[in-house]
């Protein structure tokens, strides 16, 4: 009888919970306070600056300064390109689309006035 009880306890202890099901993380994209200096510039440095900076930036589009970025915000091409919208060159070129979170951050920053903050 004790051996059956011990076997039952042993088998019960082998149960595995899936952490994601127990503690769903939901949307981890923090867009509460998106700024150019902390968020947008970091995204652009990671995904865009390699081609769009320097003396001869690709497509004559320099995204290494706020002025260059703001120019593309004002003409609508920045958001259009990163969203891979029709009629725009999808960016980053020859790479996957930015994460939904990064696109959401840039979109929010633009919607809030694309400030140099």
PDB file of N, CA and C in Angstrom:
ATOM      1  N   UNK A   1       0.813  -1.187   0.000  1.00  0.00           N
ATOM      2  CA  UNK A   1       0.000   0.000   0.000  1.00  0.00           C
ATOM      3  C   UNK A   1       0.865   1.263   0.000  1.00  0.00           C
ATOM      4  N   UNK A   2       1.887   1.277   0.823  1.00  0.00           N
ATOM      5  CA  UNK A   2       2.778   2.430   0.887  1.00  0.00           C
ATOM      6  C   UNK A   2       3.512   2.592  -0.438  1.00  0.00           C
ATOM      7  N   UNK A   3       3.898   1.475  -1.065  1.00  0.00           N
ATOM      8  CA  UNK A   3       4.601   1.568  -2.348  1.00  0.00           C
ATOM      9  C   UNK A   3       3.698   2.151  -3.435  1.00  0.00           C
ATOM     10  N   UNK A   4       2.409   1.841  -3.386  1.00  0.00           N
ATOM     11  CA  UNK A   4       1.468   2.407  -4.362  1.00  0.00           C
ATOM     12  C   UNK A   4       1.330   3.907  -4.126  1.00  0.00           C
ATOM     13  N   UNK A   5       1.249   4.306  -2.870  1.00  0.00           N
ATOM     14  CA  UNK A   5       1.155   5.720  -2.523  1.00  0.00           C
ATOM     15  C   UNK A   5       2.412   6.464  -2.958  1.00  0.00           C
ATOM     16  N   UNK A   6       3.571   5.889  -2.725  1.00  0.00           N
ATOM     17  CA  UNK A   6       4.842   6.504  -3.117  1.00  0.00           C
ATOM     18  C   UNK A   6       4.939   6.613  -4.639  1.00  0.00           C
ATOM     19  N   UNK A   7       4.509   5.576  -5.346  1.00  0.00           N
ATOM     20  CA  UNK A   7       4.526   5.608  -6.810  1.00  0.00           C
ATOM     21  C   UNK A   7       3.600   6.704  -7.324  1.00  0.00           C
ATOM     22  N   UNK A   8       2.443   6.857  -6.704  1.00  0.00           N
ATOM     23  CA  UNK A   8       1.501   7.908  -7.095  1.00  0.00           C
ATOM     24  C   UNK A   8       2.088   9.292  -6.881  1.00  0.00           C
ATOM     25  N   UNK A   9       2.757   9.499  -5.746  1.00  0.00           N
ATOM     26  CA  UNK A   9       3.405  10.787  -5.475  1.00  0.00           C
ATOM     27  C   UNK A   9       4.524  11.057  -6.472  1.00  0.00           C
ATOM     28  N   UNK A  10       5.291  10.019  -6.790  1.00  0.00           N
ATOM     29  CA  UNK A  10       6.382  10.165  -7.743  1.00  0.00           C
ATOM     30  C   UNK A  10       5.856  10.574  -9.115  1.00  0.00           C
ATOM     31  N   UNK A  11       4.825   9.889  -9.580  1.00  0.00           N
ATOM     32  CA  UNK A  11       4.259  10.198 -10.894  1.00  0.00           C
ATOM     33  C   UNK A  11       3.640  11.592 -10.919  1.00  0.00           C
ATOM     34  N   UNK A  12       3.015  11.984  -9.847  1.00  0.00           N
ATOM     35  CA  UNK A  12       2.403  13.313  -9.764  1.00  0.00           C
ATOM     36  C   UNK A  12       3.468  14.410  -9.808  1.00  0.00           C
ATOM     37  N   UNK A  13       4.645  14.127  -9.255  1.00  0.00           N
ATOM     38  CA  UNK A  13       5.705  15.131  -9.225  1.00  0.00           C
ATOM     39  C   UNK A  13       6.339  15.339 -10.597  1.00  0.00           C
ATOM     40  N   UNK A  14       6.049  14.492 -11.559  1.00  0.00           N
ATOM     41  CA  UNK A  14       6.607  14.612 -12.898  1.00  0.00           C
ATOM     42  C   UNK A  14       5.777  15.511 -13.808  1.00  0.00           C
ATOM     43  N   UNK A  15       4.787  16.161 -13.289  1.00  0.00           N
ATOM     44  CA  UNK A  15       3.925  17.030 -14.086  1.00  0.00           C
ATOM     45  C   UNK A  15       4.676  18.313 -14.427  1.00  0.00           C
ATOM     46  N   UNK A  16       4.624  18.720 -15.678  1.00  0.00           N
ATOM     47  CA  UNK A  16       5.306  19.934 -16.113  1.00  0.00           C
ATOM     48  C   UNK A  16       4.288  20.973 -16.554  1.00  0.00           C
ATOM     49  N   UNK A  17       4.404  22.156 -16.008  1.00  0.00           N
ATOM     50  CA  UNK A  17       3.580  23.271 -16.453  1.00  0.00           C
ATOM     51  C   UNK A  17       4.339  24.033 -17.526  1.00  0.00           C
ATOM     52  N   UNK A  18       3.615  24.636 -18.422  1.00  0.00           N
ATOM     53  CA  UNK A  18       4.218  25.465 -19.456  1.00  0.00           C
ATOM     54  C   UNK A  18       4.166  26.907 -18.962  1.00  0.00           C
ATOM     55  N   UNK A  19       5.332  27.496 -18.781  1.00  0.00           N
ATOM     56  CA  UNK A  19       5.436  28.824 -18.175  1.00  0.00           C
ATOM     57  C   UNK A  19       4.597  29.867 -18.900  1.00  0.00           C
ATOM     58  N   UNK A  20       4.608  29.838 -20.236  1.00  0.00           N
ATOM     59  CA  UNK A  20       3.853  30.822 -21.009  1.00  0.00           C
ATOM     60  C   UNK A  20       2.353  30.733 -20.741  1.00  0.00           C
ATOM     61  N   UNK A  21       1.873  29.523 -20.467  1.00  0.00           N
ATOM     62  CA  UNK A  21       0.452  29.359 -20.168  1.00  0.00           C
ATOM     63  C   UNK A  21       0.121  29.817 -18.748  1.00  0.00           C
ATOM     64  N   UNK A  22       1.055  29.593 -17.831  1.00  0.00           N
ATOM     65  CA  UNK A  22       0.827  29.997 -16.446  1.00  0.00           C
ATOM     66  C   UNK A  22       0.958  31.504 -16.257  1.00  0.00           C
ATOM     67  N   UNK A  23       1.922  32.096 -16.942  1.00  0.00           N
ATOM     68  CA  UNK A  23       2.213  33.520 -16.788  1.00  0.00           C
ATOM     69  C   UNK A  23       2.269  34.187 -18.161  1.00  0.00           C
ATOM     70  N   UNK A  24       1.130  34.408 -18.777  1.00  0.00           N
ATOM     71  CA  UNK A  24       1.147  35.032 -20.103  1.00  0.00           C
ATOM     72  C   UNK A  24       1.749  36.427 -20.022  1.00  0.00           C
ATOM     73  N   UNK A  25       2.641  36.724 -20.960  1.00  0.00           N
ATOM     74  CA  UNK A  25       3.350  37.994 -20.918  1.00  0.00           C
ATOM     75  C   UNK A  25       2.627  39.088 -21.683  1.00  0.00           C
ATOM     76  N   UNK A  26       1.696  38.720 -22.511  1.00  0.00           N
ATOM     77  CA  UNK A  26       0.946  39.735 -23.241  1.00  0.00           C
ATOM     78  C   UNK A  26       1.842  40.543 -24.157  1.00  0.00           C
ATOM     79  N   UNK A  27       1.465  41.769 -24.382  1.00  0.00           N
ATOM     80  CA  UNK A  27       2.205  42.649 -25.270  1.00  0.00           C
ATOM     81  C   UNK A  27       3.360  43.286 -24.514  1.00  0.00           C
ATOM     82  N   UNK A  28       4.572  42.932 -24.867  1.00  0.00           N
ATOM     83  CA  UNK A  28       5.748  43.467 -24.207  1.00  0.00           C
ATOM     84  C   UNK A  28       6.261  44.732 -24.871  1.00  0.00           C
ATOM     85  N   UNK A  29       5.562  45.224 -25.850  1.00  0.00           N
ATOM     86  CA  UNK A  29       6.004  46.409 -26.574  1.00  0.00           C
ATOM     87  C   UNK A  29       5.601  47.653 -25.788  1.00  0.00           C
ATOM     88  N   UNK A  30       6.581  48.321 -25.217  1.00  0.00           N
ATOM     89  CA  UNK A  30       6.314  49.504 -24.404  1.00  0.00           C
ATOM     90  C   UNK A  30       6.301  50.750 -25.289  1.00  0.00           C
ATOM     91  N   UNK A  31       5.122  51.274 -25.514  1.00  0.00           N
ATOM     92  CA  UNK A  31       4.987  52.494 -26.316  1.00  0.00           C
ATOM     93  C   UNK A  31       4.397  53.634 -25.490  1.00  0.00           C
ATOM     94  N   UNK A  32       4.541  53.544 -24.174  1.00  0.00           N
ATOM     95  CA  UNK A  32       3.974  54.573 -23.301  1.00  0.00           C
ATOM     96  C   UNK A  32       4.633  55.924 -23.559  1.00  0.00           C
ATOM     97  N   UNK A  33       5.938  55.957 -23.613  1.00  0.00           N
ATOM     98  CA  UNK A  33       6.632  57.223 -23.869  1.00  0.00           C
ATOM     99  C   UNK A  33       7.771  56.978 -24.853  1.00  0.00           C
ATOM    100  N   UNK A  34       7.466  57.049 -26.123  1.00  0.00           N
ATOM    101  CA  UNK A  34       8.455  56.819 -27.175  1.00  0.00           C
ATOM    102  C   UNK A  34       9.156  58.138 -27.479  1.00  0.00           C
ATOM    103  N   UNK A  35      10.483  58.105 -27.494  1.00  0.00           N
ATOM    104  CA  UNK A  35      11.250  59.307 -27.824  1.00  0.00           C
ATOM    105  C   UNK A  35      12.186  59.018 -28.990  1.00  0.00           C
ATOM    106  N   UNK A  36      12.602  60.091 -29.649  1.00  0.00           N
ATOM    107  CA  UNK A  36      13.543  59.948 -30.757  1.00  0.00           C
ATOM    108  C   UNK A  36      14.876  59.416 -30.239  1.00  0.00           C
ATOM    109  N   UNK A  37      15.410  60.042 -29.187  1.00  0.00           N
ATOM    110  CA  UNK A  37      16.757  59.705 -28.730  1.00  0.00           C
ATOM    111  C   UNK A  37      16.865  58.314 -28.111  1.00  0.00           C
ATOM    112  N   UNK A  38      15.840  57.867 -27.417  1.00  0.00           N
ATOM    113  CA  UNK A  38      15.928  56.568 -26.752  1.00  0.00           C
ATOM    114  C   UNK A  38      15.374  55.409 -27.570  1.00  0.00           C
ATOM    115  N   UNK A  39      14.400  55.662 -28.407  1.00  0.00           N
ATOM    116  CA  UNK A  39      13.727  54.568 -29.110  1.00  0.00           C
ATOM    117  C   UNK A  39      13.975  54.586 -30.617  1.00  0.00           C
ATOM    118  N   UNK A  40      13.544  55.648 -31.263  1.00  0.00           N
ATOM    119  CA  UNK A  40      13.591  55.705 -32.728  1.00  0.00           C
ATOM    120  C   UNK A  40      15.026  55.650 -33.233  1.00  0.00           C
ATOM    121  N   UNK A  41      15.907  56.466 -32.654  1.00  0.00           N
ATOM    122  CA  UNK A  41      17.295  56.487 -33.099  1.00  0.00           C
ATOM    123  C   UNK A  41      17.941  55.112 -32.938  1.00  0.00           C
ATOM    124  N   UNK A  42      17.632  54.421 -31.856  1.00  0.00           N
ATOM    125  CA  UNK A  42      18.184  53.087 -31.624  1.00  0.00           C
ATOM    126  C   UNK A  42      17.725  52.096 -32.695  1.00  0.00           C
ATOM    127  N   UNK A  43      16.449  52.159 -33.050  1.00  0.00           N
ATOM    128  CA  UNK A  43      15.909  51.274 -34.093  1.00  0.00           C
ATOM    129  C   UNK A  43      16.588  51.571 -35.426  1.00  0.00           C
ATOM    130  N   UNK A  44      16.701  52.855 -35.758  1.00  0.00           N
ATOM    131  CA  UNK A  44      17.319  53.241 -37.026  1.00  0.00           C
ATOM    132  C   UNK A  44      18.794  52.863 -37.061  1.00  0.00           C
ATOM    133  N   UNK A  45      19.501  53.038 -35.945  1.00  0.00           N
ATOM    134  CA  UNK A  45      20.916  52.659 -35.896  1.00  0.00           C
ATOM    135  C   UNK A  45      21.094  51.164 -36.115  1.00  0.00           C
ATOM    136  N   UNK A  46      20.194  50.384 -35.597  1.00  0.00           N
ATOM    137  CA  UNK A  46      20.288  48.927 -35.730  1.00  0.00           C
ATOM    138  C   UNK A  46      19.936  48.448 -37.131  1.00  0.00           C
ATOM    139  N   UNK A  47      18.938  49.068 -37.758  1.00  0.00           N
ATOM    140  CA  UNK A  47      18.394  48.520 -38.997  1.00  0.00           C
ATOM    141  C   UNK A  47      18.610  49.373 -40.248  1.00  0.00           C
ATOM    142  N   UNK A  48      19.010  50.629 -40.117  1.00  0.00           N
ATOM    143  CA  UNK A  48      19.004  51.521 -41.282  1.00  0.00           C
ATOM    144  C   UNK A  48      20.322  52.242 -41.550  1.00  0.00           C
ATOM    145  N   UNK A  49      21.030  52.607 -40.500  1.00  0.00           N
ATOM    146  CA  UNK A  49      22.183  53.490 -40.625  1.00  0.00           C
ATOM    147  C   UNK A  49      23.305  52.891 -41.469  1.00  0.00           C
ATOM    148  N   UNK A  50      23.439  51.594 -41.482  1.00  0.00           N
ATOM    149  CA  UNK A  50      24.509  50.972 -42.265  1.00  0.00           C
ATOM    150  C   UNK A  50      24.467  51.439 -43.714  1.00  0.00           C
ATOM    151  N   UNK A  51      23.279  51.524 -44.287  1.00  0.00           N
ATOM    152  CA  UNK A  51      23.131  51.941 -45.685  1.00  0.00           C
ATOM    153  C   UNK A  51      22.799  53.428 -45.826  1.00  0.00           C
ATOM    154  N   UNK A  52      22.065  53.969 -44.864  1.00  0.00           N
ATOM    155  CA  UNK A  52      21.546  55.335 -44.996  1.00  0.00           C
ATOM    156  C   UNK A  52      22.297  56.329 -44.119  1.00  0.00           C
ATOM    157  N   UNK A  53      23.620  56.410 -44.333  1.00  0.00           N
ATOM    158  CA  UNK A  53      24.453  57.394 -43.640  1.00  0.00           C
ATOM    159  C   UNK A  53      25.747  57.558 -44.415  1.00  0.00           C
ATOM    160  N   UNK A  54      26.559  58.489 -43.978  1.00  0.00           N
ATOM    161  CA  UNK A  54      27.853  58.697 -44.603  1.00  0.00           C
ATOM    162  C   UNK A  54      27.794  59.647 -45.782  1.00  0.00           C
ATOM    163  N   UNK A  55      28.900  59.713 -46.514  1.00  0.00           N
ATOM    164  CA  UNK A  55      29.026  60.646 -47.630  1.00  0.00           C
ATOM    165  C   UNK A  55      28.100  60.360 -48.793  1.00  0.00           C
ATOM    166  N   UNK A  56      27.832  59.094 -49.055  1.00  0.00           N
ATOM    167  CA  UNK A  56      26.929  58.725 -50.152  1.00  0.00           C
ATOM    168  C   UNK A  56      25.905  57.710 -49.652  1.00  0.00           C
ATOM    169  N   UNK A  57      24.933  58.177 -48.887  1.00  0.00           N
ATOM    170  CA  UNK A  57      23.934  57.246 -48.352  1.00  0.00           C
ATOM    171  C   UNK A  57      23.071  56.652 -49.458  1.00  0.00           C
ATOM    172  N   UNK A  58      22.662  55.429 -49.274  1.00  0.00           N
ATOM    173  CA  UNK A  58      21.827  54.734 -50.253  1.00  0.00           C
ATOM    174  C   UNK A  58      20.566  55.536 -50.550  1.00  0.00           C
ATOM    175  N   UNK A  59      20.275  55.691 -51.834  1.00  0.00           N
ATOM    176  CA  UNK A  59      19.089  56.433 -52.261  1.00  0.00           C
ATOM    177  C   UNK A  59      19.137  57.904 -51.890  1.00  0.00           C
ATOM    178  N   UNK A  60      20.318  58.391 -51.547  1.00  0.00           N
ATOM    179  CA  UNK A  60      20.498  59.773 -51.072  1.00  0.00           C
ATOM    180  C   UNK A  60      19.628  60.066 -49.852  1.00  0.00           C
ATOM    181  N   UNK A  61      19.364  59.042 -49.066  1.00  0.00           N
ATOM    182  CA  UNK A  61      18.551  59.177 -47.855  1.00  0.00           C
ATOM    183  C   UNK A  61      19.464  58.970 -46.651  1.00  0.00           C
ATOM    184  N   UNK A  62      19.708  60.049 -45.921  1.00  0.00           N
ATOM    185  CA  UNK A  62      20.567  60.001 -44.742  1.00  0.00           C
ATOM    186  C   UNK A  62      19.695  59.987 -43.491  1.00  0.00           C
ATOM    187  N   UNK A  63      19.721  58.881 -42.785  1.00  0.00           N
ATOM    188  CA  UNK A  63      18.920  58.736 -41.566  1.00  0.00           C
ATOM    189  C   UNK A  63      19.781  58.810 -40.307  1.00  0.00           C
ATOM    190  N   UNK A  64      20.983  59.363 -40.446  1.00  0.00           N
ATOM    191  CA  UNK A  64      21.884  59.435 -39.297  1.00  0.00           C
ATOM    192  C   UNK A  64      21.650  60.676 -38.444  1.00  0.00           C
ATOM    193  N   UNK A  65      20.810  61.597 -38.909  1.00  0.00           N
ATOM    194  CA  UNK A  65      20.515  62.806 -38.141  1.00  0.00           C
ATOM    195  C   UNK A  65      19.006  62.975 -38.003  1.00  0.00           C
ATOM    196  N   UNK A  66      18.615  63.736 -36.996  1.00  0.00           N
ATOM    197  CA  UNK A  66      17.189  64.006 -36.822  1.00  0.00           C
ATOM    198  C   UNK A  66      16.632  64.714 -38.055  1.00  0.00           C
ATOM    199  N   UNK A  67      17.377  65.657 -38.608  1.00  0.00           N
ATOM    200  CA  UNK A  67      16.908  66.386 -39.794  1.00  0.00           C
ATOM    201  C   UNK A  67      16.614  65.462 -40.961  1.00  0.00           C
ATOM    202  N   UNK A  68      17.502  64.505 -41.192  1.00  0.00           N
ATOM    203  CA  UNK A  68      17.293  63.552 -42.276  1.00  0.00           C
ATOM    204  C   UNK A  68      16.100  62.649 -42.026  1.00  0.00           C
ATOM    205  N   UNK A  69      15.943  62.221 -40.785  1.00  0.00           N
ATOM    206  CA  UNK A  69      14.801  61.371 -40.427  1.00  0.00           C
ATOM    207  C   UNK A  69      13.510  62.168 -40.555  1.00  0.00           C
ATOM    208  N   UNK A  70      13.516  63.392 -40.034  1.00  0.00           N
ATOM    209  CA  UNK A  70      12.310  64.217 -40.063  1.00  0.00           C
ATOM    210  C   UNK A  70      11.866  64.518 -41.498  1.00  0.00           C
ATOM    211  N   UNK A  71      12.822  64.687 -42.393  1.00  0.00           N
ATOM    212  CA  UNK A  71      12.486  64.908 -43.806  1.00  0.00           C
ATOM    213  C   UNK A  71      11.683  63.723 -44.349  1.00  0.00           C
ATOM    214  N   UNK A  72      12.089  62.504 -43.987  1.00  0.00           N
ATOM    215  CA  UNK A  72      11.392  61.299 -44.455  1.00  0.00           C
ATOM    216  C   UNK A  72      10.072  61.078 -43.713  1.00  0.00           C
ATOM    217  N   UNK A  73       9.978  61.594 -42.507  1.00  0.00           N
ATOM    218  CA  UNK A  73       8.699  61.544 -41.789  1.00  0.00           C
ATOM    219  C   UNK A  73       7.709  62.467 -42.490  1.00  0.00           C
ATOM    220  N   UNK A  74       8.158  63.678 -42.813  1.00  0.00           N
ATOM    221  CA  UNK A  74       7.269  64.676 -43.403  1.00  0.00           C
ATOM    222  C   UNK A  74       6.758  64.262 -44.782  1.00  0.00           C
ATOM    223  N   UNK A  75       7.597  63.597 -45.584  1.00  0.00           N
ATOM    224  CA  UNK A  75       7.117  63.178 -46.912  1.00  0.00           C
ATOM    225  C   UNK A  75       6.407  61.816 -46.870  1.00  0.00           C
ATOM    226  N   UNK A  76       6.361  61.199 -45.683  1.00  0.00           N
ATOM    227  CA  UNK A  76       5.623  59.948 -45.506  1.00  0.00           C
ATOM    228  C   UNK A  76       6.382  58.694 -45.877  1.00  0.00           C
ATOM    229  N   UNK A  77       7.585  58.848 -46.396  1.00  0.00           N
ATOM    230  CA  UNK A  77       8.303  57.672 -46.899  1.00  0.00           C
ATOM    231  C   UNK A  77       8.864  56.774 -45.801  1.00  0.00           C
ATOM    232  N   UNK A  78       9.187  57.327 -44.641  1.00  0.00           N
ATOM    233  CA  UNK A  78       9.744  56.484 -43.578  1.00  0.00           C
ATOM    234  C   UNK A  78       8.737  55.428 -43.143  1.00  0.00           C
ATOM    235  N   UNK A  79       7.573  55.859 -42.749  1.00  0.00           N
ATOM    236  CA  UNK A  79       6.554  54.921 -42.275  1.00  0.00           C
ATOM    237  C   UNK A  79       6.089  53.991 -43.393  1.00  0.00           C
ATOM    238  N   UNK A  80       5.908  54.535 -44.574  1.00  0.00           N
ATOM    239  CA  UNK A  80       5.466  53.742 -45.721  1.00  0.00           C
ATOM    240  C   UNK A  80       6.454  52.603 -46.008  1.00  0.00           C
ATOM    241  N   UNK A  81       7.746  52.922 -45.951  1.00  0.00           N
ATOM    242  CA  UNK A  81       8.774  51.919 -46.257  1.00  0.00           C
ATOM    243  C   UNK A  81       8.888  50.847 -45.186  1.00  0.00           C
ATOM    244  N   UNK A  82       8.842  51.242 -43.913  1.00  0.00           N
ATOM    245  CA  UNK A  82       9.006  50.224 -42.867  1.00  0.00           C
ATOM    246  C   UNK A  82       7.755  49.373 -42.704  1.00  0.00           C
ATOM    247  N   UNK A  83       6.604  49.892 -43.160  1.00  0.00           N
ATOM    248  CA  UNK A  83       5.369  49.102 -43.116  1.00  0.00           C
ATOM    249  C   UNK A  83       5.213  48.219 -44.352  1.00  0.00           C
ATOM    250  N   UNK A  84       6.144  48.357 -45.300  1.00  0.00           N
ATOM    251  CA  UNK A  84       6.097  47.615 -46.566  1.00  0.00           C
ATOM    252  C   UNK A  84       4.781  47.885 -47.297  1.00  0.00           C
ATOM    253  N   UNK A  85       4.344  49.131 -47.258  1.00  0.00           N
ATOM    254  CA  UNK A  85       3.097  49.524 -47.921  1.00  0.00           C
ATOM    255  C   UNK A  85       3.308  49.572 -49.430  1.00  0.00           C
ATOM    256  N   UNK A  86       2.233  49.388 -50.177  1.00  0.00           N
ATOM    257  CA  UNK A  86       2.354  49.416 -51.637  1.00  0.00           C
ATOM    258  C   UNK A  86       2.732  50.820 -52.087  1.00  0.00           C
ATOM    259  N   UNK A  87       3.547  50.870 -53.117  1.00  0.00           N
ATOM    260  CA  UNK A  87       4.006  52.146 -53.642  1.00  0.00           C
ATOM    261  C   UNK A  87       5.284  52.642 -52.989  1.00  0.00           C
ATOM    262  N   UNK A  88       5.800  51.909 -52.020  1.00  0.00           N
ATOM    263  CA  UNK A  88       7.028  52.305 -51.327  1.00  0.00           C
ATOM    264  C   UNK A  88       8.072  51.202 -51.443  1.00  0.00           C
ATOM    265  N   UNK A  89       9.327  51.607 -51.339  1.00  0.00           N
ATOM    266  CA  UNK A  89      10.402  50.616 -51.306  1.00  0.00           C
ATOM    267  C   UNK A  89      10.421  49.986 -49.921  1.00  0.00           C
ATOM    268  N   UNK A  90      10.198  48.671 -49.828  1.00  0.00           N
ATOM    269  CA  UNK A  90      10.194  48.036 -48.506  1.00  0.00           C
ATOM    270  C   UNK A  90      11.582  48.073 -47.869  1.00  0.00           C
ATOM    271  N   UNK A  91      11.631  48.529 -46.649  1.00  0.00           N
ATOM    272  CA  UNK A  91      12.885  48.628 -45.913  1.00  0.00           C
ATOM    273  C   UNK A  91      12.761  47.885 -44.595  1.00  0.00           C
ATOM    274  N   UNK A  92      13.865  47.346 -44.100  1.00  0.00           N
ATOM    275  CA  UNK A  92      15.185  47.324 -44.685  1.00  0.00           C
ATOM    276  C   UNK A  92      15.226  46.464 -45.952  1.00  0.00           C
ATOM    277  N   UNK A  93      16.012  46.924 -46.901  1.00  0.00           N
ATOM    278  CA  UNK A  93      16.100  46.242 -48.190  1.00  0.00           C
ATOM    279  C   UNK A  93      16.827  44.909 -48.024  1.00  0.00           C
ATOM    280  N   UNK A  94      16.335  43.900 -48.712  1.00  0.00           N
ATOM    281  CA  UNK A  94      16.915  42.550 -48.685  1.00  0.00           C
ATOM    282  C   UNK A  94      17.007  41.978 -47.274  1.00  0.00           C
ATOM    283  N   UNK A  95      16.060  42.360 -46.437  1.00  0.00           N
ATOM    284  CA  UNK A  95      16.012  41.844 -45.067  1.00  0.00           C
ATOM    285  C   UNK A  95      14.550  41.751 -44.654  1.00  0.00           C
ATOM    286  N   UNK A  96      14.320  41.092 -43.557  1.00  0.00           N
ATOM    287  CA  UNK A  96      12.959  40.983 -43.052  1.00  0.00           C
ATOM    288  C   UNK A  96      12.430  42.325 -42.567  1.00  0.00           C
ATOM    289  N   UNK A  97      11.134  42.417 -42.494  1.00  0.00           N
ATOM    290  CA  UNK A  97      10.485  43.627 -42.011  1.00  0.00           C
ATOM    291  C   UNK A  97      10.851  43.842 -40.537  1.00  0.00           C
ATOM    292  N   UNK A  98      10.871  45.088 -40.118  1.00  0.00           N
ATOM    293  CA  UNK A  98      11.092  45.384 -38.707  1.00  0.00           C
ATOM    294  C   UNK A  98      10.030  44.671 -37.877  1.00  0.00           C
ATOM    295  N   UNK A  99      10.325  44.444 -36.626  1.00  0.00           N
ATOM    296  CA  UNK A  99       9.341  43.806 -35.754  1.00  0.00           C
ATOM    297  C   UNK A  99       8.110  44.696 -35.630  1.00  0.00           C
ATOM    298  N   UNK A 100       6.986  44.084 -35.337  1.00  0.00           N
ATOM    299  CA  UNK A 100       5.748  44.845 -35.152  1.00  0.00           C
ATOM    300  C   UNK A 100       5.923  45.880 -34.048  1.00  0.00           C
ATOM    301  N   UNK A 101       6.677  45.539 -33.025  1.00  0.00           N
ATOM    302  CA  UNK A 101       6.910  46.471 -31.921  1.00  0.00           C
ATOM    303  C   UNK A 101       7.693  47.691 -32.395  1.00  0.00           C
ATOM    304  N   UNK A 102       8.746  47.483 -33.169  1.00  0.00           N
ATOM    305  CA  UNK A 102       9.534  48.614 -33.660  1.00  0.00           C
ATOM    306  C   UNK A 102       8.712  49.508 -34.581  1.00  0.00           C
ATOM    307  N   UNK A 103       7.901  48.906 -35.431  1.00  0.00           N
ATOM    308  CA  UNK A 103       7.029  49.694 -36.308  1.00  0.00           C
ATOM    309  C   UNK A 103       6.020  50.474 -35.470  1.00  0.00           C
ATOM    310  N   UNK A 104       5.493  49.836 -34.446  1.00  0.00           N
ATOM    311  CA  UNK A 104       4.528  50.502 -33.560  1.00  0.00           C
ATOM    312  C   UNK A 104       5.172  51.691 -32.842  1.00  0.00           C
ATOM    313  N   UNK A 105       6.413  51.529 -32.388  1.00  0.00           N
ATOM    314  CA  UNK A 105       7.116  52.626 -31.713  1.00  0.00           C
ATOM    315  C   UNK A 105       7.322  53.805 -32.652  1.00  0.00           C
ATOM    316  N   UNK A 106       7.791  53.533 -33.861  1.00  0.00           N
ATOM    317  CA  UNK A 106       8.019  54.618 -34.816  1.00  0.00           C
ATOM    318  C   UNK A 106       6.700  55.273 -35.195  1.00  0.00           C
ATOM    319  N   UNK A 107       5.669  54.483 -35.398  1.00  0.00           N
ATOM    320  CA  UNK A 107       4.343  55.025 -35.733  1.00  0.00           C
ATOM    321  C   UNK A 107       3.833  55.945 -34.633  1.00  0.00           C
ATOM    322  N   UNK A 108       4.004  55.526 -33.392  1.00  0.00           N
ATOM    323  CA  UNK A 108       3.531  56.345 -32.270  1.00  0.00           C
ATOM    324  C   UNK A 108       4.320  57.633 -32.182  1.00  0.00           C
ATOM    325  N   UNK A 109       5.625  57.549 -32.353  1.00  0.00           N
ATOM    326  CA  UNK A 109       6.478  58.734 -32.315  1.00  0.00           C
ATOM    327  C   UNK A 109       6.041  59.729 -33.386  1.00  0.00           C
ATOM    328  N   UNK A 110       5.758  59.248 -34.582  1.00  0.00           N
ATOM    329  CA  UNK A 110       5.296  60.116 -35.671  1.00  0.00           C
ATOM    330  C   UNK A 110       3.935  60.709 -35.325  1.00  0.00           C
ATOM    331  N   UNK A 111       3.024  59.883 -34.831  1.00  0.00           N
ATOM    332  CA  UNK A 111       1.676  60.354 -34.484  1.00  0.00           C
ATOM    333  C   UNK A 111       1.712  61.430 -33.402  1.00  0.00           C
ATOM    334  N   UNK A 112       2.729  61.384 -32.557  1.00  0.00           N
ATOM    335  CA  UNK A 112       2.858  62.371 -31.483  1.00  0.00           C
ATOM    336  C   UNK A 112       3.664  63.595 -31.906  1.00  0.00           C
ATOM    337  N   UNK A 113       3.931  63.722 -33.202  1.00  0.00           N
ATOM    338  CA  UNK A 113       4.593  64.921 -33.707  1.00  0.00           C
ATOM    339  C   UNK A 113       6.034  64.758 -34.119  1.00  0.00           C
ATOM    340  N   UNK A 114       6.581  63.554 -34.032  1.00  0.00           N
ATOM    341  CA  UNK A 114       7.963  63.276 -34.447  1.00  0.00           C
ATOM    342  C   UNK A 114       8.944  64.287 -33.852  1.00  0.00           C
ATOM    343  N   UNK A 115       8.848  64.472 -32.551  1.00  0.00           N
ATOM    344  CA  UNK A 115       9.682  65.461 -31.864  1.00  0.00           C
ATOM    345  C   UNK A 115      11.133  65.014 -31.765  1.00  0.00           C
ATOM    346  N   UNK A 116      12.030  65.984 -31.707  1.00  0.00           N
ATOM    347  CA  UNK A 116      13.451  65.714 -31.512  1.00  0.00           C
ATOM    348  C   UNK A 116      13.699  65.663 -30.004  1.00  0.00           C
ATOM    349  N   UNK A 117      13.208  64.590 -29.394  1.00  0.00           N
ATOM    350  CA  UNK A 117      13.303  64.472 -27.932  1.00  0.00           C
ATOM    351  C   UNK A 117      14.113  63.262 -27.515  1.00  0.00           C
TER     352      UNK A 117
END
